[in-house]
């Protein structure tokens, strides 16, 4: 790819596209962390599902420009659990935007809302999830299909690893 060679990370992203990059990140996460055991594998699978669900929620809320950032928030949301290190210590070593950082540390800002919704849905807090969906301009009746889509996508990524 690239003809004359890839010269930078942004150049590589432009060549392969965000969707492919997301898939690579998911596969790398599962491949590197999922081998440590069944529990770690399930946590990594949940992180990948969250990533896809955050991306889908953001896209369905007509904010597709933030979909890539929402994916990263979902993907990194369980990094503290996977690494057994507090999130603030992890983020001290990773350069992220303020919006992504706020979403991961405080579940705040525009990227925190989809993550809160996904976490509520995972805990079967249906009323909370419904309220968060309404606040995010996502039809709450779409949530089950979006979540199933995210689960299938995550399972495909794991199978590919």
C-alpha atoms as a PDB file:
ATOM      1  CA  UNK A   1       0.000   0.000   0.000  1.00  0.00           C
ATOM      2  CA  UNK A   2       1.017   3.571  -0.483  1.00  0.00           C
ATOM      3  CA  UNK A   3       3.095   3.304  -3.649  1.00  0.00           C
ATOM      4  CA  UNK A   4       6.161   5.132  -2.363  1.00  0.00           C
ATOM      5  CA  UNK A   5       5.909   3.841   1.190  1.00  0.00           C
ATOM      6  CA  UNK A   6       4.124   5.024   4.279  1.00  0.00           C
ATOM      7  CA  UNK A   7       5.712   8.133   5.764  1.00  0.00           C
ATOM      8  CA  UNK A   8       3.702   8.658   8.967  1.00  0.00           C
ATOM      9  CA  UNK A   9       0.895   7.277  11.100  1.00  0.00           C
ATOM     10  CA  UNK A  10      -1.634   9.798   9.689  1.00  0.00           C
ATOM     11  CA  UNK A  11      -0.526   8.735   6.201  1.00  0.00           C
ATOM     12  CA  UNK A  12      -1.115   5.092   7.115  1.00  0.00           C
ATOM     13  CA  UNK A  13      -4.570   5.916   8.507  1.00  0.00           C
ATOM     14  CA  UNK A  14      -5.474   7.720   5.285  1.00  0.00           C
ATOM     15  CA  UNK A  15      -4.339   4.730   3.247  1.00  0.00           C
ATOM     16  CA  UNK A  16      -6.082   1.954   5.163  1.00  0.00           C
ATOM     17  CA  UNK A  17      -9.035   3.939   6.514  1.00  0.00           C
ATOM     18  CA  UNK A  18     -10.484   4.226   9.988  1.00  0.00           C
ATOM     19  CA  UNK A  19     -12.603   1.092   9.723  1.00  0.00           C
ATOM     20  CA  UNK A  20      -9.607  -1.093   8.967  1.00  0.00           C
ATOM     21  CA  UNK A  21      -7.580   0.629  11.674  1.00  0.00           C
ATOM     22  CA  UNK A  22     -10.343  -0.095  14.188  1.00  0.00           C
ATOM     23  CA  UNK A  23     -10.319  -3.745  13.240  1.00  0.00           C
ATOM     24  CA  UNK A  24      -6.547  -3.937  13.596  1.00  0.00           C
ATOM     25  CA  UNK A  25      -6.690  -2.329  17.038  1.00  0.00           C
ATOM     26  CA  UNK A  26      -9.359  -4.762  18.146  1.00  0.00           C
ATOM     27  CA  UNK A  27      -7.451  -7.780  16.865  1.00  0.00           C
ATOM     28  CA  UNK A  28      -4.215  -6.560  18.455  1.00  0.00           C
ATOM     29  CA  UNK A  29      -5.984  -6.056  21.787  1.00  0.00           C
ATOM     30  CA  UNK A  30      -7.481  -9.528  21.770  1.00  0.00           C
ATOM     31  CA  UNK A  31      -4.322 -11.188  20.511  1.00  0.00           C
ATOM     32  CA  UNK A  32      -2.054  -9.572  23.083  1.00  0.00           C
ATOM     33  CA  UNK A  33      -4.267  -9.549  26.164  1.00  0.00           C
ATOM     34  CA  UNK A  34      -6.721 -12.333  25.464  1.00  0.00           C
ATOM     35  CA  UNK A  35      -4.089 -15.055  25.655  1.00  0.00           C
ATOM     36  CA  UNK A  36      -3.557 -14.587  29.385  1.00  0.00           C
ATOM     37  CA  UNK A  37      -6.657 -16.545  30.318  1.00  0.00           C
ATOM     38  CA  UNK A  38     -10.391 -16.898  29.965  1.00  0.00           C
ATOM     39  CA  UNK A  39     -11.261 -13.911  32.177  1.00  0.00           C
ATOM     40  CA  UNK A  40      -8.843 -11.608  30.387  1.00  0.00           C
ATOM     41  CA  UNK A  41     -10.169 -12.843  27.052  1.00  0.00           C
ATOM     42  CA  UNK A  42     -13.758 -12.017  28.090  1.00  0.00           C
ATOM     43  CA  UNK A  43     -12.763  -8.556  29.324  1.00  0.00           C
ATOM     44  CA  UNK A  44     -10.998  -7.876  26.027  1.00  0.00           C
ATOM     45  CA  UNK A  45     -14.089  -9.096  24.144  1.00  0.00           C
ATOM     46  CA  UNK A  46     -16.268  -6.774  26.226  1.00  0.00           C
ATOM     47  CA  UNK A  47     -13.941  -3.858  25.457  1.00  0.00           C
ATOM     48  CA  UNK A  48     -14.199  -4.571  21.729  1.00  0.00           C
ATOM     49  CA  UNK A  49     -17.985  -4.826  21.983  1.00  0.00           C
ATOM     50  CA  UNK A  50     -18.076  -1.513  23.859  1.00  0.00           C
ATOM     51  CA  UNK A  51     -15.916   0.082  21.206  1.00  0.00           C
ATOM     52  CA  UNK A  52     -18.212  -0.956  18.394  1.00  0.00           C
ATOM     53  CA  UNK A  53     -21.347  -0.052  20.375  1.00  0.00           C
ATOM     54  CA  UNK A  54     -19.995   3.424  21.203  1.00  0.00           C
ATOM     55  CA  UNK A  55     -19.177   3.891  17.534  1.00  0.00           C
ATOM     56  CA  UNK A  56     -22.664   2.772  16.445  1.00  0.00           C
ATOM     57  CA  UNK A  57     -24.387   4.982  19.020  1.00  0.00           C
ATOM     58  CA  UNK A  58     -22.413   8.008  17.933  1.00  0.00           C
ATOM     59  CA  UNK A  59     -23.117   7.336  14.269  1.00  0.00           C
ATOM     60  CA  UNK A  60     -26.835   6.820  14.941  1.00  0.00           C
ATOM     61  CA  UNK A  61     -26.936  10.088  16.868  1.00  0.00           C
ATOM     62  CA  UNK A  62     -25.847  11.807  13.623  1.00  0.00           C
ATOM     63  CA  UNK A  63     -22.377  12.523  14.963  1.00  0.00           C
ATOM     64  CA  UNK A  64     -20.358  10.314  12.638  1.00  0.00           C
ATOM     65  CA  UNK A  65     -17.371  12.694  12.851  1.00  0.00           C
ATOM     66  CA  UNK A  66     -16.875  11.567  16.462  1.00  0.00           C
ATOM     67  CA  UNK A  67     -17.386   7.861  15.744  1.00  0.00           C
ATOM     68  CA  UNK A  68     -13.661   7.083  15.646  1.00  0.00           C
ATOM     69  CA  UNK A  69     -13.068   8.784  18.986  1.00  0.00           C
ATOM     70  CA  UNK A  70     -16.092   7.021  20.480  1.00  0.00           C
ATOM     71  CA  UNK A  71     -14.643   3.704  19.306  1.00  0.00           C
ATOM     72  CA  UNK A  72     -11.330   4.474  21.045  1.00  0.00           C
ATOM     73  CA  UNK A  73     -13.162   5.436  24.259  1.00  0.00           C
ATOM     74  CA  UNK A  74     -15.020   2.124  24.278  1.00  0.00           C
ATOM     75  CA  UNK A  75     -11.906   0.143  23.430  1.00  0.00           C
ATOM     76  CA  UNK A  76      -9.837   1.756  26.199  1.00  0.00           C
ATOM     77  CA  UNK A  77     -12.642   1.823  28.786  1.00  0.00           C
ATOM     78  CA  UNK A  78     -11.572  -1.488  30.351  1.00  0.00           C
ATOM     79  CA  UNK A  79      -7.825  -1.021  29.986  1.00  0.00           C
ATOM     80  CA  UNK A  80      -7.484  -0.410  33.716  1.00  0.00           C
ATOM     81  CA  UNK A  81      -9.185  -3.730  34.437  1.00  0.00           C
ATOM     82  CA  UNK A  82      -7.096  -5.579  31.845  1.00  0.00           C
ATOM     83  CA  UNK A  83      -3.803  -4.131  33.063  1.00  0.00           C
ATOM     84  CA  UNK A  84      -4.774  -3.958  36.765  1.00  0.00           C
ATOM     85  CA  UNK A  85      -3.557  -0.339  36.908  1.00  0.00           C
ATOM     86  CA  UNK A  86      -5.696   2.731  37.729  1.00  0.00           C
ATOM     87  CA  UNK A  87      -6.959   4.521  34.626  1.00  0.00           C
ATOM     88  CA  UNK A  88      -5.396   7.857  35.592  1.00  0.00           C
ATOM     89  CA  UNK A  89      -1.958   6.224  35.762  1.00  0.00           C
ATOM     90  CA  UNK A  90      -2.441   4.574  32.373  1.00  0.00           C
ATOM     91  CA  UNK A  91      -3.604   7.809  30.767  1.00  0.00           C
ATOM     92  CA  UNK A  92      -0.574   9.649  32.155  1.00  0.00           C
ATOM     93  CA  UNK A  93       1.449   7.643  29.624  1.00  0.00           C
ATOM     94  CA  UNK A  94      -0.907   7.952  26.644  1.00  0.00           C
ATOM     95  CA  UNK A  95      -1.450  11.118  24.649  1.00  0.00           C
ATOM     96  CA  UNK A  96      -5.192  11.492  24.133  1.00  0.00           C
ATOM     97  CA  UNK A  97      -7.535  14.383  23.434  1.00  0.00           C
ATOM     98  CA  UNK A  98      -9.206  16.088  26.390  1.00  0.00           C
ATOM     99  CA  UNK A  99     -12.579  14.709  25.266  1.00  0.00           C
ATOM    100  CA  UNK A 100     -11.322  11.113  25.233  1.00  0.00           C
ATOM    101  CA  UNK A 101      -9.523  11.604  28.561  1.00  0.00           C
ATOM    102  CA  UNK A 102     -12.655  13.085  30.179  1.00  0.00           C
ATOM    103  CA  UNK A 103     -14.801  10.231  28.890  1.00  0.00           C
ATOM    104  CA  UNK A 104     -12.417   7.606  30.279  1.00  0.00           C
ATOM    105  CA  UNK A 105     -11.776   9.234  33.649  1.00  0.00           C
ATOM    106  CA  UNK A 106     -15.130  10.866  34.459  1.00  0.00           C
ATOM    107  CA  UNK A 107     -17.540   9.435  31.873  1.00  0.00           C
ATOM    108  CA  UNK A 108     -18.002  13.102  30.959  1.00  0.00           C
ATOM    109  CA  UNK A 109     -18.247  15.170  27.824  1.00  0.00           C
ATOM    110  CA  UNK A 110     -19.774  14.204  24.499  1.00  0.00           C
ATOM    111  CA  UNK A 111     -17.794  10.958  24.321  1.00  0.00           C
ATOM    112  CA  UNK A 112     -18.721   9.963  27.864  1.00  0.00           C
ATOM    113  CA  UNK A 113     -22.432   9.774  27.050  1.00  0.00           C
ATOM    114  CA  UNK A 114     -22.224   6.772  24.689  1.00  0.00           C
ATOM    115  CA  UNK A 115     -19.940   4.987  27.154  1.00  0.00           C
ATOM    116  CA  UNK A 116     -22.382   5.608  30.001  1.00  0.00           C
ATOM    117  CA  UNK A 117     -25.187   4.266  27.834  1.00  0.00           C
ATOM    118  CA  UNK A 118     -23.255   1.098  26.955  1.00  0.00           C
ATOM    119  CA  UNK A 119     -22.302   0.504  30.586  1.00  0.00           C
ATOM    120  CA  UNK A 120     -25.937   0.941  31.671  1.00  0.00           C
ATOM    121  CA  UNK A 121     -27.050  -1.470  28.964  1.00  0.00           C
ATOM    122  CA  UNK A 122     -24.439  -4.035  30.055  1.00  0.00           C
ATOM    123  CA  UNK A 123     -25.722  -3.829  33.648  1.00  0.00           C
ATOM    124  CA  UNK A 124     -29.342  -4.237  32.452  1.00  0.00           C
ATOM    125  CA  UNK A 125     -30.256  -0.795  33.801  1.00  0.00           C
ATOM    126  CA  UNK A 126     -32.937  -0.424  31.151  1.00  0.00           C
ATOM    127  CA  UNK A 127     -34.526   2.801  32.393  1.00  0.00           C
ATOM    128  CA  UNK A 128     -31.152   4.519  32.658  1.00  0.00           C
ATOM    129  CA  UNK A 129     -30.122   3.254  29.215  1.00  0.00           C
ATOM    130  CA  UNK A 130     -33.424   4.433  27.742  1.00  0.00           C
ATOM    131  CA  UNK A 131     -32.991   7.896  29.269  1.00  0.00           C
ATOM    132  CA  UNK A 132     -29.405   8.169  28.053  1.00  0.00           C
ATOM    133  CA  UNK A 133     -30.479   7.066  24.568  1.00  0.00           C
ATOM    134  CA  UNK A 134     -33.174   9.740  24.492  1.00  0.00           C
ATOM    135  CA  UNK A 135     -30.671  12.353  25.692  1.00  0.00           C
ATOM    136  CA  UNK A 136     -28.286  11.258  22.912  1.00  0.00           C
ATOM    137  CA  UNK A 137     -30.926  11.398  20.153  1.00  0.00           C
ATOM    138  CA  UNK A 138     -30.825   7.631  19.673  1.00  0.00           C
ATOM    139  CA  UNK A 139     -34.156   5.795  19.496  1.00  0.00           C
ATOM    140  CA  UNK A 140     -34.183   3.485  22.513  1.00  0.00           C
ATOM    141  CA  UNK A 141     -35.897   0.731  20.532  1.00  0.00           C
ATOM    142  CA  UNK A 142     -32.719   0.547  18.408  1.00  0.00           C
ATOM    143  CA  UNK A 143     -30.520  -0.380  21.376  1.00  0.00           C
ATOM    144  CA  UNK A 144     -31.020  -4.170  21.251  1.00  0.00           C
ATOM    145  CA  UNK A 145     -30.195  -4.348  17.532  1.00  0.00           C
ATOM    146  CA  UNK A 146     -27.184  -2.054  17.914  1.00  0.00           C
ATOM    147  CA  UNK A 147     -25.880  -4.152  20.797  1.00  0.00           C
ATOM    148  CA  UNK A 148     -26.380  -7.414  18.910  1.00  0.00           C
ATOM    149  CA  UNK A 149     -24.572  -5.886  15.932  1.00  0.00           C
ATOM    150  CA  UNK A 150     -21.696  -4.882  18.226  1.00  0.00           C
ATOM    151  CA  UNK A 151     -21.545  -8.375  19.765  1.00  0.00           C
ATOM    152  CA  UNK A 152     -21.423 -10.035  16.351  1.00  0.00           C
ATOM    153  CA  UNK A 153     -18.759  -7.624  15.123  1.00  0.00           C
ATOM    154  CA  UNK A 154     -16.642  -8.234  18.230  1.00  0.00           C
ATOM    155  CA  UNK A 155     -17.011 -12.006  17.866  1.00  0.00           C
ATOM    156  CA  UNK A 156     -15.844 -11.758  14.245  1.00  0.00           C
ATOM    157  CA  UNK A 157     -12.758  -9.843  15.353  1.00  0.00           C
ATOM    158  CA  UNK A 158     -11.941 -12.446  17.990  1.00  0.00           C
ATOM    159  CA  UNK A 159     -12.433 -15.263  15.479  1.00  0.00           C
ATOM    160  CA  UNK A 160     -10.063 -13.505  13.091  1.00  0.00           C
ATOM    161  CA  UNK A 161      -7.385 -13.270  15.787  1.00  0.00           C
END
